[in-house]
C-alpha atoms as a PDB file:
ATOM      1  CA  MET A   1       0.000   0.000   0.000  1.00  0.00           C
ATOM      2  CA  LYS A   2       2.794   2.349   0.938  1.00  0.00           C
ATOM      3  CA  MET A   3       4.567   1.483  -2.300  1.00  0.00           C
ATOM      4  CA  LYS A   4       1.447   2.404  -4.313  1.00  0.00           C
ATOM      5  CA  LYS A   5       1.235   5.762  -2.534  1.00  0.00           C
ATOM      6  CA  LEU A   6       4.885   6.455  -3.231  1.00  0.00           C
ATOM      7  CA  LEU A   7       4.409   5.587  -6.893  1.00  0.00           C
ATOM      8  CA  ALA A   8       1.357   7.848  -7.078  1.00  0.00           C
ATOM      9  CA  LEU A   9       3.300  10.700  -5.489  1.00  0.00           C
ATOM     10  CA  ALA A  10       6.181  10.142  -7.884  1.00  0.00           C
ATOM     11  CA  LEU A  11       3.815  10.226 -10.854  1.00  0.00           C
ATOM     12  CA  CYS A  12       2.219  13.456  -9.592  1.00  0.00           C
ATOM     13  CA  LEU A  13       5.659  14.999  -9.155  1.00  0.00           C
ATOM     14  CA  CYS A  14       6.615  14.014 -12.708  1.00  0.00           C
ATOM     15  CA  MET A  15       3.419  15.575 -14.040  1.00  0.00           C
ATOM     16  CA  VAL A  16       4.076  18.816 -12.164  1.00  0.00           C
ATOM     17  CA  LEU A  17       7.635  18.936 -13.450  1.00  0.00           C
ATOM     18  CA  ALA A  18       6.439  18.206 -16.983  1.00  0.00           C
ATOM     19  CA  LEU A  19       3.852  20.968 -16.809  1.00  0.00           C
ATOM     20  CA  THR A  20       6.444  23.369 -15.419  1.00  0.00           C
ATOM     21  CA  ALA A  21       8.813  22.485 -18.229  1.00  0.00           C
ATOM     22  CA  CYS A  22       6.056  23.087 -20.785  1.00  0.00           C
ATOM     23  CA  GLY A  23       5.318  26.458 -19.186  1.00  0.00           C
ATOM     24  CA  GLU A  24       8.945  27.457 -19.538  1.00  0.00           C
ATOM     25  CA  LYS A  25       9.222  26.292 -23.147  1.00  0.00           C
ATOM     26  CA  GLU A  26      10.576  28.903 -25.501  1.00  0.00           C
ATOM     27  CA  ALA A  27       8.349  30.304 -28.217  1.00  0.00           C
ATOM     28  CA  THR A  28       9.115  32.166 -31.441  1.00  0.00           C
ATOM     29  CA  TYR A  29       8.451  35.905 -31.481  1.00  0.00           C
ATOM     30  CA  LYS A  30       9.199  38.814 -33.786  1.00  0.00           C
ATOM     31  CA  LEU A  31      10.499  42.264 -32.835  1.00  0.00           C
ATOM     32  CA  GLY A  32       9.312  45.100 -35.055  1.00  0.00           C
ATOM     33  CA  MET A  33       9.726  48.866 -34.974  1.00  0.00           C
ATOM     34  CA  GLY A  34       7.653  51.599 -36.604  1.00  0.00           C
ATOM     35  CA  ILE A  35       8.081  55.383 -36.773  1.00  0.00           C
ATOM     36  CA  ALA A  36       5.503  58.072 -37.624  1.00  0.00           C
ATOM     37  CA  VAL A  37       6.916  61.530 -38.448  1.00  0.00           C
ATOM     38  CA  SER A  38       5.159  64.901 -38.620  1.00  0.00           C
ATOM     39  CA  MET A  39       6.426  68.459 -39.084  1.00  0.00           C
ATOM     40  CA  ASP A  40       2.943  69.998 -39.120  1.00  0.00           C
ATOM     41  CA  SER A  41       3.560  71.890 -35.874  1.00  0.00           C
ATOM     42  CA  SER A  42       6.393  73.908 -37.412  1.00  0.00           C
ATOM     43  CA  ALA A  43       5.502  77.605 -37.572  1.00  0.00           C
ATOM     44  CA  GLU A  44       7.186  81.006 -37.611  1.00  0.00           C
ATOM     45  CA  ASN A  45      10.127  81.016 -35.168  1.00  0.00           C
ATOM     46  CA  ASN A  46       9.562  77.329 -34.322  1.00  0.00           C
ATOM     47  CA  ALA A  47      11.006  74.383 -36.232  1.00  0.00           C
ATOM     48  CA  GLN A  48       9.444  71.178 -34.936  1.00  0.00           C
ATOM     49  CA  VAL A  49       9.651  67.455 -35.686  1.00  0.00           C
ATOM     50  CA  ASP A  50       7.339  65.028 -33.884  1.00  0.00           C
ATOM     51  CA  ALA A  51       8.526  61.441 -34.335  1.00  0.00           C
ATOM     52  CA  THR A  52       6.493  58.699 -32.646  1.00  0.00           C
ATOM     53  CA  VAL A  53       8.272  55.366 -32.308  1.00  0.00           C
ATOM     54  CA  ALA A  54       6.713  52.031 -31.430  1.00  0.00           C
ATOM     55  CA  ALA A  55       8.516  48.778 -30.663  1.00  0.00           C
ATOM     56  CA  VAL A  56       6.335  45.682 -30.591  1.00  0.00           C
ATOM     57  CA  VAL A  57       6.838  41.979 -30.042  1.00  0.00           C
ATOM     58  CA  THR A  58       4.325  39.770 -31.849  1.00  0.00           C
ATOM     59  CA  ASP A  59       3.716  36.038 -31.587  1.00  0.00           C
ATOM     60  CA  VAL A  60       3.429  33.539 -34.454  1.00  0.00           C
ATOM     61  CA  ASN A  61      -0.234  34.517 -34.883  1.00  0.00           C
ATOM     62  CA  GLY A  62       0.616  38.187 -35.302  1.00  0.00           C
ATOM     63  CA  LYS A  63      -0.763  39.162 -31.908  1.00  0.00           C
ATOM     64  CA  ILE A  64       1.046  41.786 -29.866  1.00  0.00           C
ATOM     65  CA  VAL A  65       2.563  40.439 -26.661  1.00  0.00           C
ATOM     66  CA  ALA A  66       4.516  43.589 -25.731  1.00  0.00           C
ATOM     67  CA  CYS A  67       4.583  47.215 -26.868  1.00  0.00           C
ATOM     68  CA  ARG A  68       6.717  50.247 -26.010  1.00  0.00           C
ATOM     69  CA  LEU A  69       6.100  53.823 -27.174  1.00  0.00           C
ATOM     70  CA  ASP A  70       7.953  57.120 -27.121  1.00  0.00           C
ATOM     71  CA  VAL A  71       7.979  60.440 -28.962  1.00  0.00           C
ATOM     72  CA  ALA A  72      10.978  62.519 -29.981  1.00  0.00           C
ATOM     73  CA  GLN A  73       9.257  65.908 -29.958  1.00  0.00           C
ATOM     74  CA  ASN A  74      12.133  68.033 -31.194  1.00  0.00           C
ATOM     75  CA  LYS A  75      11.711  71.811 -31.227  1.00  0.00           C
ATOM     76  CA  MET A  76      14.077  74.657 -32.051  1.00  0.00           C
ATOM     77  CA  ASN A  77      13.552  78.406 -31.734  1.00  0.00           C
ATOM     78  CA  VAL A  78      14.617  79.845 -35.101  1.00  0.00           C
ATOM     79  CA  ALA A  79      13.843  83.538 -34.573  1.00  0.00           C
ATOM     80  CA  ASP A  80      15.842  85.704 -37.002  1.00  0.00           C
ATOM     81  CA  GLY A  81      16.957  82.536 -38.797  1.00  0.00           C
ATOM     82  CA  ALA A  82      19.314  81.475 -35.993  1.00  0.00           C
ATOM     83  CA  VAL A  83      19.920  77.826 -35.077  1.00  0.00           C
ATOM     84  CA  ASP A  84      21.336  76.080 -32.026  1.00  0.00           C
ATOM     85  CA  THR A  85      23.642  73.293 -33.165  1.00  0.00           C
ATOM     86  CA  ALA A  86      24.476  72.370 -29.554  1.00  0.00           C
ATOM     87  CA  LYS A  87      20.849  71.949 -28.486  1.00  0.00           C
ATOM     88  CA  THR A  88      20.042  68.791 -26.536  1.00  0.00           C
ATOM     89  CA  PHE A  89      16.770  66.914 -26.642  1.00  0.00           C
ATOM     90  CA  GLN A  90      14.749  64.611 -24.389  1.00  0.00           C
ATOM     91  CA  THR A  91      11.945  62.301 -25.449  1.00  0.00           C
ATOM     92  CA  LYS A  92       8.502  62.536 -23.857  1.00  0.00           C
ATOM     93  CA  MET A  93       9.093  59.291 -21.948  1.00  0.00           C
ATOM     94  CA  GLU A  94      12.438  60.615 -20.671  1.00  0.00           C
ATOM     95  CA  LEU A  95      10.784  63.824 -19.490  1.00  0.00           C
ATOM     96  CA  GLY A  96       8.284  61.889 -17.390  1.00  0.00           C
ATOM     97  CA  SER A  97       6.387  64.238 -15.094  1.00  0.00           C
ATOM     98  CA  ASP A  98       8.467  67.160 -16.374  1.00  0.00           C
ATOM     99  CA  TYR A  99       6.508  66.987 -19.621  1.00  0.00           C
ATOM    100  CA  GLY A 100       3.811  68.801 -17.690  1.00  0.00           C
ATOM    101  CA  MET A 101       0.548  67.344 -18.950  1.00  0.00           C
ATOM    102  CA  ALA A 102      -0.874  66.386 -15.566  1.00  0.00           C
ATOM    103  CA  GLY A 103      -2.195  69.422 -13.717  1.00  0.00           C
ATOM    104  CA  ASN A 104      -1.804  71.677 -16.742  1.00  0.00           C
ATOM    105  CA  PRO A 105      -4.858  73.987 -17.101  1.00  0.00           C
ATOM    106  CA  TYR A 106      -4.614  73.565 -20.884  1.00  0.00           C
ATOM    107  CA  SER A 107      -4.861  69.766 -20.671  1.00  0.00           C
ATOM    108  CA  SER A 108      -8.353  68.451 -21.411  1.00  0.00           C
ATOM    109  CA  ASP A 109     -10.170  65.977 -19.179  1.00  0.00           C
ATOM    110  CA  ASN A 110     -11.462  64.044 -22.163  1.00  0.00           C
ATOM    111  CA  ASN A 111     -12.953  61.109 -20.240  1.00  0.00           C
ATOM    112  CA  GLY A 112     -14.656  63.210 -17.578  1.00  0.00           C
ATOM    113  CA  ASP A 113     -13.059  61.493 -14.580  1.00  0.00           C
ATOM    114  CA  GLY A 114     -11.785  64.761 -13.145  1.00  0.00           C
ATOM    115  CA  LYS A 115      -8.098  64.162 -13.798  1.00  0.00           C
ATOM    116  CA  VAL A 116      -5.527  64.088 -16.586  1.00  0.00           C
ATOM    117  CA  LEU A 117      -2.689  61.573 -16.416  1.00  0.00           C
ATOM    118  CA  GLU A 118       0.872  62.543 -17.387  1.00  0.00           C
ATOM    119  CA  TRP A 119       1.891  61.738 -20.969  1.00  0.00           C
ATOM    120  CA  ASN A 120       4.093  58.778 -20.013  1.00  0.00           C
ATOM    121  CA  GLU A 121       1.227  57.261 -18.010  1.00  0.00           C
ATOM    122  CA  GLN A 122      -1.194  57.672 -20.926  1.00  0.00           C
ATOM    123  CA  ALA A 123       1.325  56.126 -23.332  1.00  0.00           C
ATOM    124  CA  LYS A 124       1.783  53.139 -21.008  1.00  0.00           C
ATOM    125  CA  ALA A 125      -2.003  52.711 -20.873  1.00  0.00           C
ATOM    126  CA  PHE A 126      -2.014  52.484 -24.684  1.00  0.00           C
ATOM    127  CA  GLU A 127       0.893  49.994 -24.572  1.00  0.00           C
ATOM    128  CA  SER A 128      -1.137  47.720 -22.290  1.00  0.00           C
ATOM    129  CA  TYR A 129      -4.324  48.168 -24.319  1.00  0.00           C
ATOM    130  CA  VAL A 130      -2.819  46.843 -27.568  1.00  0.00           C
ATOM    131  CA  VAL A 131      -1.518  43.605 -26.032  1.00  0.00           C
ATOM    132  CA  GLY A 132      -3.406  40.673 -27.524  1.00  0.00           C
ATOM    133  CA  LYS A 133      -4.454  42.638 -30.603  1.00  0.00           C
ATOM    134  CA  THR A 134      -3.304  42.358 -34.226  1.00  0.00           C
ATOM    135  CA  ALA A 135      -2.194  45.048 -36.655  1.00  0.00           C
ATOM    136  CA  GLU A 136      -5.624  44.869 -38.308  1.00  0.00           C
ATOM    137  CA  GLU A 137      -7.385  45.470 -34.995  1.00  0.00           C
ATOM    138  CA  ILE A 138      -5.172  48.456 -34.188  1.00  0.00           C
ATOM    139  CA  GLU A 139      -5.685  49.875 -37.666  1.00  0.00           C
ATOM    140  CA  ALA A 140      -9.454  49.529 -37.280  1.00  0.00           C
ATOM    141  CA  MET A 141      -9.561  51.456 -33.978  1.00  0.00           C
ATOM    142  CA  THR A 142     -12.078  54.273 -34.236  1.00  0.00           C
ATOM    143  CA  THR A 143     -11.497  57.787 -32.954  1.00  0.00           C
ATOM    144  CA  GLN A 144     -13.551  60.844 -32.085  1.00  0.00           C
ATOM    145  CA  ASP A 145     -12.793  64.539 -31.982  1.00  0.00           C
ATOM    146  CA  ALA A 146     -12.162  66.042 -28.563  1.00  0.00           C
ATOM    147  CA  ASN A 147     -11.000  69.645 -28.437  1.00  0.00           C
ATOM    148  CA  GLY A 148      -9.348  69.297 -31.825  1.00  0.00           C
ATOM    149  CA  HIS A 149      -7.637  65.983 -31.031  1.00  0.00           C
ATOM    150  CA  GLN A 150      -8.486  62.514 -32.311  1.00  0.00           C
ATOM    151  CA  ILE A 151      -8.912  60.362 -29.218  1.00  0.00           C
ATOM    152  CA  SER A 152     -10.140  56.787 -28.832  1.00  0.00           C
ATOM    153  CA  THR A 153     -13.829  55.877 -28.799  1.00  0.00           C
ATOM    154  CA  ASP A 154     -13.139  52.720 -26.781  1.00  0.00           C
ATOM    155  CA  GLU A 155     -14.359  53.148 -23.218  1.00  0.00           C
ATOM    156  CA  ALA A 156     -11.780  50.629 -21.973  1.00  0.00           C
ATOM    157  CA  LEU A 157      -8.880  52.766 -23.185  1.00  0.00           C
ATOM    158  CA  LEU A 158     -10.487  56.027 -22.061  1.00  0.00           C
ATOM    159  CA  SER A 159     -11.179  54.588 -18.616  1.00  0.00           C
ATOM    160  CA  ALA A 160      -7.524  53.540 -18.387  1.00  0.00           C
ATOM    161  CA  GLY A 161      -6.662  57.243 -18.656  1.00  0.00           C
ATOM    162  CA  CYS A 162      -5.462  57.392 -22.268  1.00  0.00           C
ATOM    163  CA  THR A 163      -7.345  60.416 -23.598  1.00  0.00           C
ATOM    164  CA  ILE A 164      -4.628  61.957 -25.790  1.00  0.00           C
ATOM    165  CA  GLN A 165      -4.516  61.979 -29.578  1.00  0.00           C
ATOM    166  CA  ILE A 166      -3.710  58.452 -30.737  1.00  0.00           C
ATOM    167  CA  ASN A 167      -3.404  58.679 -34.534  1.00  0.00           C
ATOM    168  CA  ASP A 168       0.404  58.537 -34.517  1.00  0.00           C
ATOM    169  CA  PHE A 169       0.372  55.778 -31.880  1.00  0.00           C
ATOM    170  CA  LYS A 170      -1.816  53.711 -34.200  1.00  0.00           C
ATOM    171  CA  THR A 171       0.348  54.407 -37.251  1.00  0.00           C
ATOM    172  CA  ALA A 172       3.613  53.554 -35.465  1.00  0.00           C
ATOM    173  CA  VAL A 173       2.247  50.362 -33.862  1.00  0.00           C
ATOM    174  CA  VAL A 174       0.767  49.085 -37.134  1.00  0.00           C
ATOM    175  CA  LYS A 175       4.082  49.787 -38.902  1.00  0.00           C
ATOM    176  CA  ALA A 176       5.936  47.915 -36.182  1.00  0.00           C
ATOM    177  CA  CYS A 177       3.619  44.905 -36.463  1.00  0.00           C
ATOM    178  CA  ARG A 178       4.185  44.799 -40.223  1.00  0.00           C
ATOM    179  CA  ASP A 179       7.911  45.503 -40.105  1.00  0.00           C
ATOM    180  CA  GLU A 180       9.328  43.384 -42.932  1.00  0.00           C
ATOM    181  CA  GLN A 181      12.814  43.982 -41.550  1.00  0.00           C
ATOM    182  CA  GLY A 182      11.913  42.839 -38.048  1.00  0.00           C
ATOM    183  CA  MET A 183      13.968  40.269 -36.158  1.00  0.00           C
ATOM    184  CA  GLU A 184      12.728  36.873 -35.016  1.00  0.00           C
ATOM    185  CA  PHE A 185      13.880  35.445 -31.694  1.00  0.00           C
ATOM    186  CA  LYS A 186      13.091  32.643 -29.270  1.00  0.00           C
ATOM    187  CA  ALA A 187      12.391  33.244 -25.606  1.00  0.00           C
ATOM    188  CA  GLY A 188      10.241  32.241 -22.679  1.00  0.00           C
ATOM    189  CA  LYS A 189       7.789  34.692 -21.141  1.00  0.00           C
ATOM    190  CA  ASP A 190      10.412  36.434 -19.026  1.00  0.00           C
ATOM    191  CA  PHE A 191      11.765  38.848 -21.672  1.00  0.00           C
ATOM    192  CA  THR A 192      11.579  42.640 -21.411  1.00  0.00           C
ATOM    193  CA  LEU A 193      11.323  45.253 -24.166  1.00  0.00           C
ATOM    194  CA  GLY A 194      12.831  48.701 -24.491  1.00  0.00           C
ATOM    195  CA  VAL A 195      12.859  51.555 -26.994  1.00  0.00           C
ATOM    196  CA  ALA A 196      15.008  54.690 -27.245  1.00  0.00           C
ATOM    197  CA  ALA A 197      15.582  57.789 -29.378  1.00  0.00           C
ATOM    198  CA  LYS A 198      18.538  60.179 -29.511  1.00  0.00           C
ATOM    199  CA  THR A 199      18.605  63.468 -31.445  1.00  0.00           C
ATOM    200  CA  THR A 200      21.322  65.856 -32.574  1.00  0.00           C
ATOM    201  CA  ALA A 201      21.060  69.187 -34.388  1.00  0.00           C
ATOM    202  CA  ALA A 202      24.799  69.493 -35.045  1.00  0.00           C
ATOM    203  CA  GLU A 203      24.446  69.727 -38.826  1.00  0.00           C
ATOM    204  CA  SER A 204      21.934  72.603 -38.771  1.00  0.00           C
ATOM    205  CA  THR A 205      22.845  75.859 -40.544  1.00  0.00           C
ATOM    206  CA  ALA A 206      21.586  79.389 -39.868  1.00  0.00           C
ATOM    207  CA  ALA A 207      19.854  81.547 -42.477  1.00  0.00           C
ATOM    208  CA  THR A 208      21.826  84.399 -44.017  1.00  0.00           C
ATOM    209  CA  ALA A 209      21.022  87.234 -46.400  1.00  0.00           C
ATOM    210  CA  ASP A 210      22.323  85.059 -49.222  1.00  0.00           C
ATOM    211  CA  GLN A 211      21.018  81.633 -48.278  1.00  0.00           C
ATOM    212  CA  ASP A 212      18.207  79.997 -46.318  1.00  0.00           C
ATOM    213  CA  GLY A 213      19.105  78.016 -43.236  1.00  0.00           C
ATOM    214  CA  VAL A 214      18.272  74.364 -42.617  1.00  0.00           C
ATOM    215  CA  VAL A 215      17.295  72.864 -39.270  1.00  0.00           C
ATOM    216  CA  LYS A 216      18.489  69.266 -39.165  1.00  0.00           C
ATOM    217  CA  MET A 217      17.192  67.596 -36.031  1.00  0.00           C
ATOM    218  CA  TYR A 218      18.294  64.062 -36.897  1.00  0.00           C
ATOM    219  CA  THR A 219      17.181  61.188 -34.671  1.00  0.00           C
ATOM    220  CA  ASP A 220      18.406  57.622 -34.169  1.00  0.00           C
ATOM    221  CA  PHE A 221      15.945  55.040 -32.856  1.00  0.00           C
ATOM    222  CA  ALA A 222      16.460  51.588 -31.379  1.00  0.00           C
ATOM    223  CA  ALA A 223      14.508  48.715 -29.867  1.00  0.00           C
ATOM    224  CA  ALA A 224      15.876  45.857 -27.797  1.00  0.00           C
ATOM    225  CA  VAL A 225      14.495  42.659 -26.280  1.00  0.00           C
ATOM    226  CA  MET A 226      16.325  41.530 -23.160  1.00  0.00           C
ATOM    227  CA  VAL A 227      16.639  38.181 -21.349  1.00  0.00           C
ATOM    228  CA  ASN A 228      18.831  37.918 -18.247  1.00  0.00           C
ATOM    229  CA  GLY A 229      20.561  41.204 -19.043  1.00  0.00           C
ATOM    230  CA  LYS A 230      21.476  40.260 -22.607  1.00  0.00           C
ATOM    231  CA  ILE A 231      20.032  41.353 -25.935  1.00  0.00           C
ATOM    232  CA  VAL A 232      18.136  38.609 -27.773  1.00  0.00           C
ATOM    233  CA  ALA A 233      16.781  40.862 -30.532  1.00  0.00           C
ATOM    234  CA  ALA A 234      17.502  44.438 -31.619  1.00  0.00           C
ATOM    235  CA  LEU A 235      16.643  46.961 -34.324  1.00  0.00           C
ATOM    236  CA  ASN A 236      17.919  50.426 -35.190  1.00  0.00           C
ATOM    237  CA  ASP A 237      16.711  53.129 -37.574  1.00  0.00           C
ATOM    238  CA  ALA A 238      17.176  56.841 -38.224  1.00  0.00           C
ATOM    239  CA  ILE A 239      15.378  59.864 -39.656  1.00  0.00           C
ATOM    240  CA  GLN A 240      16.825  62.927 -41.389  1.00  0.00           C
ATOM    241  CA  PRO A 241      14.055  65.533 -41.693  1.00  0.00           C
ATOM    242  CA  ASN A 242      15.032  68.965 -43.004  1.00  0.00           C
ATOM    243  CA  ILE A 243      13.239  72.225 -42.188  1.00  0.00           C
ATOM    244  CA  THR A 244      14.301  75.181 -44.333  1.00  0.00           C
ATOM    245  CA  ILE A 245      14.067  78.583 -42.623  1.00  0.00           C
ATOM    246  CA  GLY A 246      14.448  82.223 -43.654  1.00  0.00           C
ATOM    247  CA  THR A 247      16.087  85.176 -41.914  1.00  0.00           C
ATOM    248  CA  LYS A 248      12.797  86.185 -40.277  1.00  0.00           C
ATOM    249  CA  GLY A 249      12.343  82.781 -38.724  1.00  0.00           C
ATOM    250  CA  GLU A 250       9.741  81.782 -41.289  1.00  0.00           C
ATOM    251  CA  ILE A 251       9.338  78.172 -42.362  1.00  0.00           C
ATOM    252  CA  VAL A 252      10.261  78.059 -46.043  1.00  0.00           C
ATOM    253  CA  ASP A 253       9.937  74.320 -46.610  1.00  0.00           C
ATOM    254  CA  THR A 254       9.844  70.943 -44.861  1.00  0.00           C
ATOM    255  CA  ALA A 255      11.248  67.743 -46.332  1.00  0.00           C
ATOM    256  CA  PHE A 256      10.991  64.154 -45.149  1.00  0.00           C
ATOM    257  CA  LYS A 257      10.238  61.032 -47.126  1.00  0.00           C
ATOM    258  CA  ALA A 258      10.876  57.973 -44.974  1.00  0.00           C
ATOM    259  CA  THR A 259      13.225  56.472 -42.396  1.00  0.00           C
ATOM    260  CA  LYS A 260      16.596  55.132 -43.541  1.00  0.00           C
ATOM    261  CA  ARG A 261      15.410  51.544 -43.163  1.00  0.00           C
ATOM    262  CA  GLU A 262      12.224  52.292 -45.091  1.00  0.00           C
ATOM    263  CA  LEU A 263      14.140  53.966 -47.921  1.00  0.00           C
ATOM    264  CA  LYS A 264      16.269  50.842 -48.477  1.00  0.00           C
ATOM    265  CA  GLU A 265      18.146  51.209 -51.822  1.00  0.00           C
ATOM    266  CA  GLU A 266      16.638  54.643 -52.343  1.00  0.00           C
ATOM    267  CA  TYR A 267      18.834  55.962 -49.534  1.00  0.00           C
ATOM    268  CA  GLY A 268      21.658  55.639 -52.035  1.00  0.00           C
ATOM    269  CA  MET A 269      24.638  54.539 -49.980  1.00  0.00           C
ATOM    270  CA  SER A 270      25.523  51.474 -52.036  1.00  0.00           C
ATOM    271  CA  GLY A 271      27.356  52.505 -55.181  1.00  0.00           C
ATOM    272  CA  SER A 272      27.679  56.146 -54.107  1.00  0.00           C
ATOM    273  CA  ALA A 273      30.968  57.781 -55.009  1.00  0.00           C
ATOM    274  CA  TYR A 274      30.987  59.337 -51.529  1.00  0.00           C
ATOM    275  CA  ALA A 275      30.517  56.044 -49.652  1.00  0.00           C
ATOM    276  CA  SER A 276      33.742  54.619 -48.248  1.00  0.00           C
ATOM    277  CA  ASP A 277      34.777  50.968 -48.474  1.00  0.00           C
ATOM    278  CA  ASN A 278      35.975  50.937 -44.887  1.00  0.00           C
ATOM    279  CA  ASN A 279      36.570  47.189 -44.622  1.00  0.00           C
ATOM    280  CA  GLY A 280      38.396  46.832 -47.927  1.00  0.00           C
ATOM    281  CA  ASP A 281      36.140  44.128 -49.377  1.00  0.00           C
ATOM    282  CA  GLY A 282      35.446  46.114 -52.525  1.00  0.00           C
ATOM    283  CA  LYS A 283      31.802  46.910 -51.804  1.00  0.00           C
ATOM    284  CA  VAL A 284      29.584  49.096 -49.639  1.00  0.00           C
ATOM    285  CA  LEU A 285      26.271  47.725 -48.397  1.00  0.00           C
ATOM    286  CA  GLU A 286      23.147  49.882 -48.352  1.00  0.00           C
ATOM    287  CA  TRP A 287      22.361  51.594 -45.049  1.00  0.00           C
ATOM    288  CA  TYR A 288      19.484  49.295 -44.089  1.00  0.00           C
ATOM    289  CA  GLU A 289      21.720  46.266 -44.687  1.00  0.00           C
ATOM    290  CA  GLN A 290      24.452  47.732 -42.477  1.00  0.00           C
ATOM    291  CA  SER A 291      21.817  48.524 -39.849  1.00  0.00           C
ATOM    292  CA  ALA A 292      20.641  44.892 -39.925  1.00  0.00           C
ATOM    293  CA  ALA A 293      24.241  43.686 -39.576  1.00  0.00           C
ATOM    294  CA  PHE A 294      24.635  45.816 -36.447  1.00  0.00           C
ATOM    295  CA  SER A 295      21.373  44.500 -34.980  1.00  0.00           C
ATOM    296  CA  LYS A 296      22.500  40.896 -35.463  1.00  0.00           C
ATOM    297  CA  TYR A 297      25.890  41.729 -33.960  1.00  0.00           C
ATOM    298  CA  ALA A 298      24.185  43.140 -30.834  1.00  0.00           C
ATOM    299  CA  VAL A 299      22.492  39.829 -30.010  1.00  0.00           C
ATOM    300  CA  GLY A 300      24.045  38.142 -26.983  1.00  0.00           C
ATOM    301  CA  LYS A 301      25.634  41.345 -25.689  1.00  0.00           C
ATOM    302  CA  THR A 302      24.807  43.538 -22.708  1.00  0.00           C
ATOM    303  CA  ALA A 303      23.951  47.224 -22.808  1.00  0.00           C
ATOM    304  CA  ASP A 304      27.411  48.062 -21.427  1.00  0.00           C
ATOM    305  CA  GLU A 305      29.154  45.966 -24.074  1.00  0.00           C
ATOM    306  CA  ILE A 306      27.302  47.829 -26.824  1.00  0.00           C
ATOM    307  CA  ALA A 307      27.868  51.247 -25.252  1.00  0.00           C
ATOM    308  CA  ASN A 308      31.595  50.588 -24.816  1.00  0.00           C
ATOM    309  CA  MET A 309      32.349  48.992 -28.176  1.00  0.00           C
ATOM    310  CA  LYS A 310      35.832  49.703 -29.485  1.00  0.00           C
ATOM    311  CA  THR A 311      35.863  52.081 -32.433  1.00  0.00           C
ATOM    312  CA  GLN A 312      38.325  53.626 -34.844  1.00  0.00           C
ATOM    313  CA  GLU A 313      38.452  56.671 -37.085  1.00  0.00           C
ATOM    314  CA  ALA A 314      38.001  56.159 -40.824  1.00  0.00           C
ATOM    315  CA  GLU A 315      37.860  59.156 -43.170  1.00  0.00           C
ATOM    316  CA  GLY A 316      36.318  61.348 -40.504  1.00  0.00           C
ATOM    317  CA  HIS A 317      33.833  58.738 -39.290  1.00  0.00           C
ATOM    318  CA  VAL A 318      33.858  56.682 -36.106  1.00  0.00           C
ATOM    319  CA  ILE A 319      33.394  53.059 -37.168  1.00  0.00           C
ATOM    320  CA  SER A 320      33.694  49.716 -35.376  1.00  0.00           C
ATOM    321  CA  ALA A 321      37.087  48.243 -34.589  1.00  0.00           C
ATOM    322  CA  ASP A 322      35.624  44.730 -34.360  1.00  0.00           C
ATOM    323  CA  GLU A 323      36.567  42.618 -37.367  1.00  0.00           C
ATOM    324  CA  ALA A 324      33.421  40.516 -36.983  1.00  0.00           C
ATOM    325  CA  LEU A 325      31.151  43.534 -37.476  1.00  0.00           C
ATOM    326  CA  LEU A 326      33.297  45.002 -40.247  1.00  0.00           C
ATOM    327  CA  SER A 327      33.332  41.684 -42.086  1.00  0.00           C
ATOM    328  CA  ALA A 328      29.542  41.587 -41.849  1.00  0.00           C
ATOM    329  CA  GLY A 329      29.537  44.792 -43.888  1.00  0.00           C
ATOM    330  CA  CYS A 330      28.737  47.329 -41.158  1.00  0.00           C
ATOM    331  CA  THR A 331      31.277  50.074 -41.798  1.00  0.00           C
ATOM    332  CA  ILE A 332      29.114  53.153 -41.162  1.00  0.00           C
ATOM    333  CA  GLN A 333      29.540  55.565 -38.281  1.00  0.00           C
ATOM    334  CA  ILE A 334      28.184  53.804 -35.211  1.00  0.00           C
ATOM    335  CA  SER A 335      28.584  56.227 -32.283  1.00  0.00           C
ATOM    336  CA  SER A 336      24.922  57.201 -32.104  1.00  0.00           C
ATOM    337  CA  ILE A 337      23.725  53.708 -33.042  1.00  0.00           C
ATOM    338  CA  CYS A 338      25.714  52.215 -30.140  1.00  0.00           C
ATOM    339  CA  ALA A 339      24.394  54.788 -27.684  1.00  0.00           C
ATOM    340  CA  THR A 340      20.776  54.370 -28.790  1.00  0.00           C
ATOM    341  CA  VAL A 341      20.777  50.559 -28.816  1.00  0.00           C
ATOM    342  CA  ALA A 342      22.414  50.543 -25.380  1.00  0.00           C
ATOM    343  CA  GLN A 343      19.784  52.996 -24.123  1.00  0.00           C
ATOM    344  CA  ALA A 344      16.973  50.836 -25.498  1.00  0.00           C
ATOM    345  CA  ALA A 345      18.470  47.860 -23.652  1.00  0.00           C
ATOM    346  CA  ASN A 346      18.666  49.872 -20.438  1.00  0.00           C
ATOM    347  CA  ASN A 347      15.079  51.103 -20.928  1.00  0.00           C
ATOM    348  CA  ALA A 348      13.714  47.551 -21.181  1.00  0.00           C
ATOM    349  CA  ARG A 349      10.821  46.860 -18.811  1.00  0.00           C
END
């Protein structure tokens, strides 16, 4: 009798262990990133680029299992045609409560609950809301006008406190879900996801009596999936929007077509007479291909290892000193890419 009980207990233990093992089984996921860019808020004396970035992880059925959002809302005062090439920028998520939406008398209580959450809290509510949904379901989300902004009509999202304009959220998330250059990875359920954006205006030029100025607030973006402190999937992209200004601070023109990854061969790095063959293999890959090579290289590394990669100078550019990355065809300047990917890894939650 005792033997039978012991056998029964042993069988139960085996079943529990088997179920636990099944629960910990790795699954296949895909990391995607999407960016929505607008310069519509640019006006006299103010050059502005609003770039919404979404990083999503989808399962084999195309359903979102994790989402991260941020906005690089880059502004520059261009009164009298002047520019600030040393200007620094913070994303809305980085600003946190300093963004100043909560408690602002100009913020609208669009769900009538008597309060307005801070931007980062509203963005996180949207991140949670899209989990379990597909690109088609996000695309089909309906909106309504509220004080000139297109907010959700879904009571669940409004009740969660997300009452801000969501058009760009939708666009960026759908793009991320359908990212044809996304990266597949295998993991259990214990992974985290991060996104980051870093902007510089160093290449901007002031307007003169002879020539218009150009505000170049260029931004690098990155997404990273982390398991036990190491990257298991990563992506990076960049935008180069140009805002032409006159000597009175007027906006003369705005120009932006697509991100560097989206442009693919149209970016024109491969075969360009100005592109350098920095690894001596007789060819130069297109930017999106070099970006993909960097993302693959980042897998298995920590945020610190990416941030502290050894580099070297090549024809005025800071490129990798690692033969493995150079041999993979990534010979572009990587300073900002390294910093942004490392930041995305550190931002993972």
